[in-house]
Protein backbone atom coordinates (compact mmCIF):
# COMPACT_ATOMS: atom_id res chain seq x y z
CA MET A 1 19.38 -9.08 -0.38
CA ASN A 2 16.85 -10.07 2.28
CA ASP A 3 15.42 -6.64 3.07
CA ARG A 4 11.63 -6.60 3.27
CA TYR A 5 9.49 -3.52 3.50
CA LEU A 6 6.00 -3.91 4.92
CA MET A 7 5.45 -0.79 7.03
CA PRO A 8 6.81 2.78 6.81
CA ALA A 9 9.94 3.57 8.81
CA GLN A 10 9.57 6.46 11.25
CA GLU A 11 12.21 8.49 9.38
CA ALA A 12 10.42 7.97 6.06
CA GLY A 13 7.13 9.10 7.60
CA ARG A 14 8.77 12.22 8.98
CA ALA A 15 10.34 13.02 5.60
CA PHE A 16 6.96 12.51 3.89
CA VAL A 17 5.28 15.02 6.22
CA MET A 18 8.19 17.46 5.91
CA ARG A 19 7.73 17.58 2.11
CA GLN A 20 4.70 19.79 2.89
CA ILE A 21 2.80 18.51 -0.13
CA LYS A 22 -0.11 20.75 -1.06
CA GLY A 23 -3.21 19.12 -2.51
CA SER A 24 -3.74 15.50 -3.40
CA VAL A 25 -1.16 12.75 -3.28
CA VAL A 26 -1.21 9.47 -5.21
CA MET A 27 0.35 6.44 -3.55
CA LEU A 28 2.05 3.96 -5.87
CA ASN A 29 1.91 0.53 -4.21
CA LEU A 30 4.06 -2.34 -5.48
CA LEU A 31 3.08 -5.63 -3.87
CA ARG A 32 4.65 -9.09 -3.74
CA PHE A 33 2.37 -11.71 -2.18
CA ARG A 34 3.29 -14.69 -0.05
CA ASP A 35 2.27 -18.06 -1.49
CA ILE A 36 0.39 -18.76 1.77
CA ALA A 37 -0.59 -15.86 4.04
CA ASP A 38 1.28 -15.80 7.36
CA TYR A 39 -1.12 -14.80 10.13
CA SER A 40 1.33 -15.50 12.97
CA GLY A 41 1.42 -11.75 13.75
CA SER A 42 -2.40 -11.41 13.65
CA PRO A 43 -3.90 -14.73 14.74
CA GLU A 44 -7.22 -13.06 15.55
CA LEU A 45 -7.71 -12.38 11.81
CA MET A 46 -6.66 -15.82 10.60
CA PRO A 47 -9.25 -17.60 8.44
CA ASN A 48 -10.28 -21.16 9.36
CA GLU A 49 -8.27 -22.57 6.45
CA PRO A 50 -4.93 -21.39 5.01
CA ILE A 51 -5.32 -18.88 2.17
CA SER A 52 -2.98 -17.35 -0.38
CA GLY A 53 -1.32 -14.01 0.17
CA LYS A 54 -3.38 -12.65 -2.73
CA ASN A 55 -6.61 -13.72 -1.03
CA ALA A 56 -5.47 -12.23 2.28
CA TYR A 57 -4.78 -8.94 0.50
CA GLN A 58 -8.29 -9.05 -0.96
CA LEU A 59 -9.60 -9.31 2.62
CA TYR A 60 -7.48 -6.27 3.48
CA ILE A 61 -8.91 -4.28 0.54
CA LYS A 62 -12.47 -5.25 1.48
CA HIS A 63 -11.84 -4.08 5.06
CA THR A 64 -10.05 -0.91 3.94
CA ILE A 65 -12.35 0.58 1.28
CA PRO A 66 -14.91 2.08 3.70
CA PHE A 67 -12.16 3.85 5.68
CA LEU A 68 -10.38 4.97 2.53
CA THR A 69 -13.59 6.42 1.09
CA ALA A 70 -14.54 8.12 4.37
CA SER A 71 -11.14 9.83 4.46
CA GLY A 72 -11.59 11.23 0.94
CA GLY A 73 -9.42 8.62 -0.74
CA GLU A 74 -10.07 6.44 -3.75
CA ILE A 75 -8.54 3.55 -5.65
CA LEU A 76 -7.50 4.81 -9.08
CA PHE A 77 -6.00 1.60 -10.42
CA ILE A 78 -5.49 -2.03 -9.43
CA GLY A 79 -3.46 -4.16 -11.79
CA GLU A 80 -1.49 -7.35 -12.08
CA GLY A 81 2.27 -6.93 -12.10
CA GLY A 82 5.06 -9.14 -13.36
CA ALA A 83 8.66 -8.82 -14.48
CA PHE A 84 10.10 -5.46 -15.46
CA LEU A 85 10.52 -4.41 -19.07
CA ILE A 86 13.18 -1.97 -17.81
CA GLY A 87 14.61 -2.99 -14.48
CA PRO A 88 16.23 -5.90 -12.66
CA ALA A 89 15.49 -9.23 -14.38
CA ASN A 90 15.21 -11.00 -11.01
CA GLU A 91 12.67 -8.56 -9.55
CA HIS A 92 8.91 -8.77 -9.97
CA TRP A 93 5.78 -7.39 -8.34
CA ASP A 94 2.52 -9.32 -8.25
CA ALA A 95 0.20 -6.33 -8.06
CA VAL A 96 0.23 -2.56 -8.45
CA LEU A 97 -2.21 -0.08 -6.90
CA LEU A 98 -2.61 3.65 -7.31
CA ILE A 99 -4.49 5.24 -4.40
CA ARG A 100 -5.36 8.94 -4.33
CA GLN A 101 -5.79 10.86 -1.09
CA ASN A 102 -7.08 14.44 -1.00
CA SER A 103 -4.16 15.56 1.12
CA VAL A 104 -1.33 14.38 3.32
CA ASN A 105 -3.52 15.11 6.35
CA SER A 106 -6.36 12.93 5.03
CA PHE A 107 -3.83 10.14 4.36
CA LEU A 108 -2.45 10.42 7.89
CA ALA A 109 -5.98 10.41 9.37
CA PHE A 110 -6.80 7.31 7.33
CA GLU A 111 -3.59 5.51 8.34
CA SER A 112 -4.10 6.26 12.04
CA ASN A 113 -7.81 5.34 12.19
CA HIS A 114 -8.16 2.79 15.01
CA GLU A 115 -10.90 0.79 13.26
CA TYR A 116 -8.89 0.66 10.03
CA MET A 117 -5.84 -0.53 11.96
CA LYS A 118 -7.80 -3.55 13.24
CA GLY A 119 -7.58 -5.05 9.74
CA ILE A 120 -3.97 -4.13 8.85
CA GLY A 121 -2.92 -7.67 9.82
CA HIS A 122 -4.48 -8.96 6.59
CA ARG A 123 -2.01 -6.76 4.69
CA THR A 124 1.09 -7.80 6.61
CA SER A 125 0.00 -11.46 6.50
CA ALA A 126 -0.46 -11.25 2.73
CA LEU A 127 2.77 -9.56 1.71
CA GLU A 128 6.24 -10.91 1.19
CA ASP A 129 7.46 -7.42 0.30
CA SER A 130 6.10 -4.04 -0.79
CA ARG A 131 6.99 -0.51 -1.82
CA LEU A 132 4.97 2.66 -1.30
CA LEU A 133 5.92 5.76 -3.24
CA PRO A 134 4.01 9.03 -2.71
CA LEU A 135 3.51 10.82 -6.03
CA VAL A 136 2.64 14.47 -6.51
CA GLU A 137 1.15 15.64 -9.80
CA ASN A 138 3.39 18.00 -11.71
CA LYS A 139 0.90 20.65 -12.80
CA SER A 140 3.44 22.47 -14.91
CA ARG A 141 4.02 21.58 -18.52
CA GLN A 142 5.43 18.12 -19.16
CA ASP A 143 8.46 19.49 -21.02
CA GLU A 144 9.56 21.19 -17.80
CA ILE A 145 10.22 17.90 -16.00
């Protein structure tokens, strides 16, 4: 399977908005880095020397934090991934992030901010593949899941 997922599909974005989520949303990010970042799609952001995908993603995070914070978002968790304990043996993720946004509207405002978008090339240069799963807190009792 050679499918790669780096940006949301239009249909997925529409379905996300149509969920009409009330309140905050937490974005689960699963990230697989390139060995060497590929800046061919964003040559204006390319460092003077080749860097790893992990380092390129760190540049993306550094660029992103001010816009995330201004939109009411926050990083809840950044961790190192690896192979699954339950899941496909041949699948791994290098890093995991949990990002909270106050609302779907604040997430959409963040994602469409022109100044933020100027640095998105660090993300796409860094990643071999990714997943983004919007999570909504279940405020009912846990035994009702």
